[in-house]
PDB file of N, CA and C in Angstrom:
ATOM      1  N   MET A   1       1.183  -1.289   0.136  1.00  0.00           N
ATOM      2  CA  MET A   1       0.042  -0.161   0.055  1.00  0.00           C
ATOM      3  C   MET A   1       0.861   1.023  -0.201  1.00  0.00           C
ATOM      4  N   PRO A   2       0.906   2.014  -0.877  1.00  0.00           N
ATOM      5  CA  PRO A   2       1.539   3.175  -1.365  1.00  0.00           C
ATOM      6  C   PRO A   2       1.879   4.268   0.493  1.00  0.00           C
ATOM      7  N   THR A   3       2.509   4.997   0.628  1.00  0.00           N
ATOM      8  CA  THR A   3       2.299   5.520   1.982  1.00  0.00           C
ATOM      9  C   THR A   3       2.740   7.139   1.098  1.00  0.00           C
ATOM     10  N   THR A   4       1.944   8.849   1.610  1.00  0.00           N
ATOM     11  CA  THR A   4       2.073   9.751   0.976  1.00  0.00           C
ATOM     12  C   THR A   4       3.270  10.278   1.805  1.00  0.00           C
ATOM     13  N   VAL A   5       3.708  10.894   1.581  1.00  0.00           N
ATOM     14  CA  VAL A   5       5.065  11.475   2.260  1.00  0.00           C
ATOM     15  C   VAL A   5       4.966  13.026   1.400  1.00  0.00           C
ATOM     16  N   LEU A   6       5.777  13.940   2.458  1.00  0.00           N
ATOM     17  CA  LEU A   6       6.625  14.984   1.991  1.00  0.00           C
ATOM     18  C   LEU A   6       7.807  15.126   1.729  1.00  0.00           C
ATOM     19  N   ILE A   7       8.608  15.151   0.939  1.00  0.00           N
ATOM     20  CA  ILE A   7      10.409  14.861   0.681  1.00  0.00           C
ATOM     21  C   ILE A   7      10.650  16.155   0.516  1.00  0.00           C
ATOM     22  N   HIS A   8      11.289  16.716   1.426  1.00  0.00           N
ATOM     23  CA  HIS A   8      12.328  18.077   1.477  1.00  0.00           C
ATOM     24  C   HIS A   8      13.218  18.224   0.904  1.00  0.00           C
ATOM     25  N   LEU A   9      13.740  18.581  -0.435  1.00  0.00           N
ATOM     26  CA  LEU A   9      14.880  18.359  -0.905  1.00  0.00           C
ATOM     27  C   LEU A   9      15.855  19.493  -0.594  1.00  0.00           C
ATOM     28  N   SER A  10      17.246  19.264  -0.763  1.00  0.00           N
ATOM     29  CA  SER A  10      18.165  20.412  -0.571  1.00  0.00           C
ATOM     30  C   SER A  10      17.735  21.911  -1.305  1.00  0.00           C
ATOM     31  N   GLY A  11      17.712  22.875  -1.075  1.00  0.00           N
ATOM     32  CA  GLY A  11      17.275  24.256  -2.137  1.00  0.00           C
ATOM     33  C   GLY A  11      15.847  23.923  -2.995  1.00  0.00           C
ATOM     34  N   GLU A  12      14.988  23.213  -2.813  1.00  0.00           N
ATOM     35  CA  GLU A  12      14.227  23.148  -3.340  1.00  0.00           C
ATOM     36  C   GLU A  12      13.005  23.220  -2.400  1.00  0.00           C
ATOM     37  N   ASP A  13      11.477  23.325  -2.858  1.00  0.00           N
ATOM     38  CA  ASP A  13      10.434  23.155  -2.330  1.00  0.00           C
ATOM     39  C   ASP A  13      10.034  22.027  -1.547  1.00  0.00           C
ATOM     40  N   PRO A  14       9.128  21.592  -0.881  1.00  0.00           N
ATOM     41  CA  PRO A  14       9.196  19.827  -0.515  1.00  0.00           C
ATOM     42  C   PRO A  14       8.518  19.790  -1.927  1.00  0.00           C
ATOM     43  N   VAL A  15       8.090  18.486  -2.024  1.00  0.00           N
ATOM     44  CA  VAL A  15       7.943  17.613  -3.317  1.00  0.00           C
ATOM     45  C   VAL A  15       6.377  16.588  -1.994  1.00  0.00           C
ATOM     46  N   LEU A  16       5.434  16.732  -3.118  1.00  0.00           N
ATOM     47  CA  LEU A  16       4.166  14.927  -2.262  1.00  0.00           C
ATOM     48  C   LEU A  16       4.338  14.164  -3.306  1.00  0.00           C
ATOM     49  N   GLY A  17       4.153  13.496  -2.918  1.00  0.00           N
ATOM     50  CA  GLY A  17       3.945  11.930  -3.319  1.00  0.00           C
ATOM     51  C   GLY A  17       3.905  11.113  -2.594  1.00  0.00           C
ATOM     52  N   GLU A  18       3.770   9.793  -3.740  1.00  0.00           N
ATOM     53  CA  GLU A  18       3.478   8.237  -2.588  1.00  0.00           C
ATOM     54  C   GLU A  18       5.056   7.860  -3.283  1.00  0.00           C
ATOM     55  N   ILE A  19       5.327   6.567  -1.451  1.00  0.00           N
ATOM     56  CA  ILE A  19       6.574   5.931  -1.941  1.00  0.00           C
ATOM     57  C   ILE A  19       5.854   4.440  -1.310  1.00  0.00           C
ATOM     58  N   GLU A  20       6.517   3.274  -2.127  1.00  0.00           N
ATOM     59  CA  GLU A  20       5.859   1.760  -1.902  1.00  0.00           C
ATOM     60  C   GLU A  20       6.552   1.376  -0.702  1.00  0.00           C
ATOM     61  N   GLU A  21       7.932   2.134  -0.104  1.00  0.00           N
ATOM     62  CA  GLU A  21       8.403   1.354   1.083  1.00  0.00           C
ATOM     63  C   GLU A  21       9.432   3.192   1.596  1.00  0.00           C
ATOM     64  N   ILE A  22       9.140   2.922   2.851  1.00  0.00           N
ATOM     65  CA  ILE A  22       9.477   4.448   3.986  1.00  0.00           C
ATOM     66  C   ILE A  22      11.341   3.447   3.379  1.00  0.00           C
ATOM     67  N   PRO A  23      12.287   4.524   2.854  1.00  0.00           N
ATOM     68  CA  PRO A  23      13.232   4.324   2.953  1.00  0.00           C
ATOM     69  C   PRO A  23      13.997   4.117   3.825  1.00  0.00           C
ATOM     70  N   ALA A  24      15.069   2.929   3.982  1.00  0.00           N
ATOM     71  CA  ALA A  24      15.938   3.086   5.128  1.00  0.00           C
ATOM     72  C   ALA A  24      16.830   3.607   5.297  1.00  0.00           C
ATOM     73  N   PRO A  25      17.710   3.017   6.517  1.00  0.00           N
ATOM     74  CA  PRO A  25      19.102   3.847   7.038  1.00  0.00           C
ATOM     75  C   PRO A  25      19.640   4.066   5.642  1.00  0.00           C
ATOM     76  N   GLY A  26      20.212   2.313   5.049  1.00  0.00           N
ATOM     77  CA  GLY A  26      21.326   2.228   4.464  1.00  0.00           C
ATOM     78  C   GLY A  26      20.754   2.726   2.632  1.00  0.00           C
ATOM     79  N   ASP A  27      19.422   3.352   2.435  1.00  0.00           N
ATOM     80  CA  ASP A  27      19.181   3.167   0.916  1.00  0.00           C
ATOM     81  C   ASP A  27      20.350   4.477   0.950  1.00  0.00           C
ATOM     82  N   THR A  28      20.482   4.132  -0.776  1.00  0.00           N
ATOM     83  CA  THR A  28      20.843   5.404  -2.038  1.00  0.00           C
ATOM     84  C   THR A  28      20.122   6.233  -2.570  1.00  0.00           C
ATOM     85  N   THR A  29      18.986   5.822  -2.837  1.00  0.00           N
ATOM     86  CA  THR A  29      17.815   6.921  -3.461  1.00  0.00           C
ATOM     87  C   THR A  29      16.481   6.475  -2.895  1.00  0.00           C
ATOM     88  N   VAL A  30      15.658   7.385  -3.404  1.00  0.00           N
ATOM     89  CA  VAL A  30      13.987   7.290  -3.049  1.00  0.00           C
ATOM     90  C   VAL A  30      13.153   7.255  -3.796  1.00  0.00           C
ATOM     91  N   THR A  31      12.168   6.837  -4.546  1.00  0.00           N
ATOM     92  CA  THR A  31      11.369   6.078  -5.668  1.00  0.00           C
ATOM     93  C   THR A  31      10.352   7.010  -5.147  1.00  0.00           C
ATOM     94  N   VAL A  32       9.862   8.419  -5.510  1.00  0.00           N
ATOM     95  CA  VAL A  32       8.340   8.984  -5.910  1.00  0.00           C
ATOM     96  C   VAL A  32       7.574   8.410  -6.452  1.00  0.00           C
ATOM     97  N   ASN A  33       6.420   8.279  -6.697  1.00  0.00           N
ATOM     98  CA  ASN A  33       5.365   8.151  -7.587  1.00  0.00           C
ATOM     99  C   ASN A  33       4.243   8.982  -7.538  1.00  0.00           C
ATOM    100  N   ASN A  34       4.013  10.052  -8.685  1.00  0.00           N
ATOM    101  CA  ASN A  34       3.265  10.752  -8.511  1.00  0.00           C
ATOM    102  C   ASN A  34       3.526  12.042  -7.764  1.00  0.00           C
ATOM    103  N   PRO A  35       4.575  12.730  -8.568  1.00  0.00           N
ATOM    104  CA  PRO A  35       5.410  13.836  -7.786  1.00  0.00           C
ATOM    105  C   PRO A  35       4.940  15.031  -7.650  1.00  0.00           C
ATOM    106  N   ARG A  36       4.214  15.816  -7.358  1.00  0.00           N
ATOM    107  CA  ARG A  36       3.635  16.797  -7.119  1.00  0.00           C
ATOM    108  C   ARG A  36       4.092  18.765  -6.159  1.00  0.00           C
ATOM    109  N   ARG A  37       3.585  19.530  -6.202  1.00  0.00           N
ATOM    110  CA  ARG A  37       3.780  20.540  -5.256  1.00  0.00           C
ATOM    111  C   ARG A  37       2.945  20.184  -3.994  1.00  0.00           C
ATOM    112  N   ARG A  38       3.042  20.889  -2.593  1.00  0.00           N
ATOM    113  CA  ARG A  38       2.497  20.424  -1.486  1.00  0.00           C
ATOM    114  C   ARG A  38       0.694  21.227  -2.225  1.00  0.00           C
ATOM    115  N   ASP A  39       0.373  21.883  -3.042  1.00  0.00           N
ATOM    116  CA  ASP A  39      -0.720  22.449  -3.379  1.00  0.00           C
ATOM    117  C   ASP A  39      -1.466  21.432  -4.816  1.00  0.00           C
ATOM    118  N   GLY A  40      -0.705  20.794  -4.879  1.00  0.00           N
ATOM    119  CA  GLY A  40      -1.180  19.577  -5.750  1.00  0.00           C
ATOM    120  C   GLY A  40      -0.409  20.098  -7.562  1.00  0.00           C
ATOM    121  N   LYS A  41      -0.032  20.972  -8.093  1.00  0.00           N
ATOM    122  CA  LYS A  41       0.442  21.342  -9.601  1.00  0.00           C
ATOM    123  C   LYS A  41       1.869  20.531  -9.359  1.00  0.00           C
ATOM    124  N   ASP A  42       1.930  20.628 -11.011  1.00  0.00           N
ATOM    125  CA  ASP A  42       3.212  19.846 -11.755  1.00  0.00           C
ATOM    126  C   ASP A  42       4.643  20.863 -11.001  1.00  0.00           C
ATOM    127  N   LEU A  43       5.340  19.865 -10.764  1.00  0.00           N
ATOM    128  CA  LEU A  43       6.830  20.380 -10.861  1.00  0.00           C
ATOM    129  C   LEU A  43       7.579  21.317 -11.353  1.00  0.00           C
ATOM    130  N   PRO A  44       7.858  22.271 -11.667  1.00  0.00           N
ATOM    131  CA  PRO A  44       8.493  23.039 -12.906  1.00  0.00           C
ATOM    132  C   PRO A  44       9.587  22.230 -13.062  1.00  0.00           C
ATOM    133  N   TYR A  45      10.253  21.819 -12.817  1.00  0.00           N
ATOM    134  CA  TYR A  45      11.915  21.066 -13.239  1.00  0.00           C
ATOM    135  C   TYR A  45      11.479  19.491 -13.635  1.00  0.00           C
ATOM    136  N   ILE A  46      10.007  19.268 -13.783  1.00  0.00           N
ATOM    137  CA  ILE A  46       9.996  17.774 -13.581  1.00  0.00           C
ATOM    138  C   ILE A  46       8.827  18.070 -14.819  1.00  0.00           C
ATOM    139  N   ASP A  47       9.051  16.959 -16.542  1.00  0.00           N
ATOM    140  CA  ASP A  47       8.374  16.944 -17.042  1.00  0.00           C
ATOM    141  C   ASP A  47       6.610  16.728 -16.959  1.00  0.00           C
ATOM    142  N   GLY A  48       5.716  17.429 -17.388  1.00  0.00           N
ATOM    143  CA  GLY A  48       4.432  17.138 -16.857  1.00  0.00           C
ATOM    144  C   GLY A  48       3.660  15.771 -16.921  1.00  0.00           C
ATOM    145  N   ASN A  49       3.954  14.721 -17.717  1.00  0.00           N
ATOM    146  CA  ASN A  49       3.919  13.432 -17.868  1.00  0.00           C
ATOM    147  C   ASN A  49       4.488  12.553 -17.478  1.00  0.00           C
ATOM    148  N   VAL A  50       5.211  12.957 -17.021  1.00  0.00           N
ATOM    149  CA  VAL A  50       6.111  11.703 -15.440  1.00  0.00           C
ATOM    150  C   VAL A  50       5.613  11.484 -14.524  1.00  0.00           C
ATOM    151  N   VAL A  51       5.669  10.299 -13.913  1.00  0.00           N
ATOM    152  CA  VAL A  51       4.993   9.360 -12.958  1.00  0.00           C
ATOM    153  C   VAL A  51       5.631   8.676 -11.959  1.00  0.00           C
ATOM    154  N   THR A  52       6.704   8.856 -12.292  1.00  0.00           N
ATOM    155  CA  THR A  52       7.550   8.961 -10.693  1.00  0.00           C
ATOM    156  C   THR A  52       9.323   9.062 -11.320  1.00  0.00           C
ATOM    157  N   VAL A  53      10.023   9.416 -10.043  1.00  0.00           N
ATOM    158  CA  VAL A  53      11.160   9.771  -9.682  1.00  0.00           C
ATOM    159  C   VAL A  53      11.814   9.234  -8.780  1.00  0.00           C
ATOM    160  N   VAL A  54      13.126   9.416  -9.404  1.00  0.00           N
ATOM    161  CA  VAL A  54      13.909   8.368  -8.347  1.00  0.00           C
ATOM    162  C   VAL A  54      14.801   9.711  -8.065  1.00  0.00           C
ATOM    163  N   TRP A  55      15.211   9.669  -6.510  1.00  0.00           N
ATOM    164  CA  TRP A  55      16.400  11.153  -5.686  1.00  0.00           C
ATOM    165  C   TRP A  55      17.136  10.312  -5.355  1.00  0.00           C
ATOM    166  N   PRO A  56      18.284  10.847  -5.886  1.00  0.00           N
ATOM    167  CA  PRO A  56      19.699  10.034  -4.899  1.00  0.00           C
ATOM    168  C   PRO A  56      18.997  10.770  -3.281  1.00  0.00           C
ATOM    169  N   MET A  57      19.634   9.951  -1.908  1.00  0.00           N
ATOM    170  CA  MET A  57      19.493  10.201  -0.678  1.00  0.00           C
ATOM    171  C   MET A  57      20.276  11.775  -0.148  1.00  0.00           C
ATOM    172  N   HIS A  58      21.087  11.357  -1.012  1.00  0.00           N
ATOM    173  CA  HIS A  58      22.220  12.404  -0.547  1.00  0.00           C
ATOM    174  C   HIS A  58      21.370  14.301  -0.871  1.00  0.00           C
ATOM    175  N   ARG A  59      20.112  14.331  -1.675  1.00  0.00           N
ATOM    176  CA  ARG A  59      19.668  15.546  -1.495  1.00  0.00           C
ATOM    177  C   ARG A  59      18.450  15.672  -1.020  1.00  0.00           C
ATOM    178  N   VAL A  60      18.050  14.071  -0.050  1.00  0.00           N
ATOM    179  CA  VAL A  60      16.403  14.465   0.430  1.00  0.00           C
ATOM    180  C   VAL A  60      17.311  14.967   1.872  1.00  0.00           C
ATOM    181  N   THR A  61      16.558  16.545   2.463  1.00  0.00           N
ATOM    182  CA  THR A  61      16.814  16.726   3.613  1.00  0.00           C
ATOM    183  C   THR A  61      16.144  15.987   4.456  1.00  0.00           C
ATOM    184  N   PHE A  62      14.970  15.892   4.736  1.00  0.00           N
ATOM    185  CA  PHE A  62      14.076  14.762   5.837  1.00  0.00           C
ATOM    186  C   PHE A  62      13.029  14.544   4.731  1.00  0.00           C
ATOM    187  N   VAL A  63      11.620  13.727   5.142  1.00  0.00           N
ATOM    188  CA  VAL A  63      10.613  13.002   4.782  1.00  0.00           C
ATOM    189  C   VAL A  63       9.592  12.959   6.054  1.00  0.00           C
ATOM    190  N   GLU A  64       8.225  13.767   5.155  1.00  0.00           N
ATOM    191  CA  GLU A  64       7.592  14.014   6.567  1.00  0.00           C
ATOM    192  C   GLU A  64       6.269  12.503   5.774  1.00  0.00           C
ATOM    193  N   ILE A  65       6.031  11.520   6.950  1.00  0.00           N
ATOM    194  CA  ILE A  65       5.372  10.448   6.606  1.00  0.00           C
ATOM    195  C   ILE A  65       3.607  11.247   6.741  1.00  0.00           C
ATOM    196  N   LEU A  66       3.194  11.041   5.958  1.00  0.00           N
ATOM    197  CA  LEU A  66       1.811  11.842   6.228  1.00  0.00           C
ATOM    198  C   LEU A  66       0.706  11.027   6.351  1.00  0.00           C
ATOM    199  N   PRO A  67      -0.272  11.164   7.518  1.00  0.00           N
ATOM    200  CA  PRO A  67      -1.311  10.339   7.640  1.00  0.00           C
ATOM    201  C   PRO A  67      -2.517   9.843   7.036  1.00  0.00           C
ATOM    202  N   THR A  68      -2.967   8.447   6.962  1.00  0.00           N
ATOM    203  CA  THR A  68      -3.843   8.268   5.900  1.00  0.00           C
ATOM    204  C   THR A  68      -5.413   8.726   6.426  1.00  0.00           C
ATOM    205  N   ALA A  69      -6.455   8.697   5.636  1.00  0.00           N
ATOM    206  CA  ALA A  69      -7.456   9.366   6.156  1.00  0.00           C
ATOM    207  C   ALA A  69      -8.121   7.983   7.311  1.00  0.00           C
ATOM    208  N   GLU A  70      -7.673   6.795   7.249  1.00  0.00           N
ATOM    209  CA  GLU A  70      -7.878   6.271   8.194  1.00  0.00           C
ATOM    210  C   GLU A  70      -7.292   5.868   9.313  1.00  0.00           C
ATOM    211  N   GLU A  71      -6.491   6.794   9.925  1.00  0.00           N
ATOM    212  CA  GLU A  71      -5.300   7.163  11.060  1.00  0.00           C
ATOM    213  C   GLU A  71      -6.387   8.666  11.303  1.00  0.00           C
ATOM    214  N   GLU A  72      -6.472   9.515  10.707  1.00  0.00           N
ATOM    215  CA  GLU A  72      -7.159  10.559  11.159  1.00  0.00           C
ATOM    216  C   GLU A  72      -8.147  10.498  11.631  1.00  0.00           C
ATOM    217  N   GLU A  73      -9.221   9.166  11.538  1.00  0.00           N
ATOM    218  CA  GLU A  73     -10.326   9.164  11.914  1.00  0.00           C
ATOM    219  C   GLU A  73     -10.360   8.484  13.633  1.00  0.00           C
ATOM    220  N   LEU A  74      -8.888   7.313  13.427  1.00  0.00           N
ATOM    221  CA  LEU A  74      -9.200   6.963  14.730  1.00  0.00           C
ATOM    222  C   LEU A  74      -8.456   7.702  15.788  1.00  0.00           C
ATOM    223  N   ILE A  75      -7.907   8.512  15.514  1.00  0.00           N
ATOM    224  CA  ILE A  75      -7.368  10.206  16.969  1.00  0.00           C
ATOM    225  C   ILE A  75      -7.618  11.095  15.860  1.00  0.00           C
ATOM    226  N   GLY A  76      -8.848  11.530  17.051  1.00  0.00           N
ATOM    227  CA  GLY A  76      -9.274  12.976  16.987  1.00  0.00           C
ATOM    228  C   GLY A  76      -8.901  13.928  17.737  1.00  0.00           C
ATOM    229  N   PHE A  77      -9.521  15.118  17.671  1.00  0.00           N
ATOM    230  CA  PHE A  77      -9.058  16.164  18.737  1.00  0.00           C
ATOM    231  C   PHE A  77      -9.521  15.614  19.668  1.00  0.00           C
ATOM    232  N   VAL A  78      -9.244  15.865  20.958  1.00  0.00           N
ATOM    233  CA  VAL A  78      -9.684  15.251  22.485  1.00  0.00           C
ATOM    234  C   VAL A  78      -9.875  16.709  23.219  1.00  0.00           C
ATOM    235  N   ARG A  79     -10.457  17.395  23.750  1.00  0.00           N
ATOM    236  CA  ARG A  79     -10.593  18.393  24.606  1.00  0.00           C
ATOM    237  C   ARG A  79     -11.144  17.791  25.873  1.00  0.00           C
ATOM    238  N   GLU A  80     -10.279  18.410  26.804  1.00  0.00           N
ATOM    239  CA  GLU A  80     -10.537  17.502  28.657  1.00  0.00           C
ATOM    240  C   GLU A  80     -11.628  19.150  29.046  1.00  0.00           C
TER     241      GLU A  80
END
């Protein structure tokens, strides 16, 4: 099941996309499906019909793993 992530690249805006596996500490690349900007628009430096991109890990600053809709339903706002 793909995981939606927000990948922060050195010197670039964050990239939203899906990955099949969370990168392990020893991985040298990260493969992202359906890369796009946070607002859903195409990335200006990638051709519009590209569906998969492989970035070297030395370009990745950090990766945010976004919750799925099911996880958001399980944990809601709690007010005491």
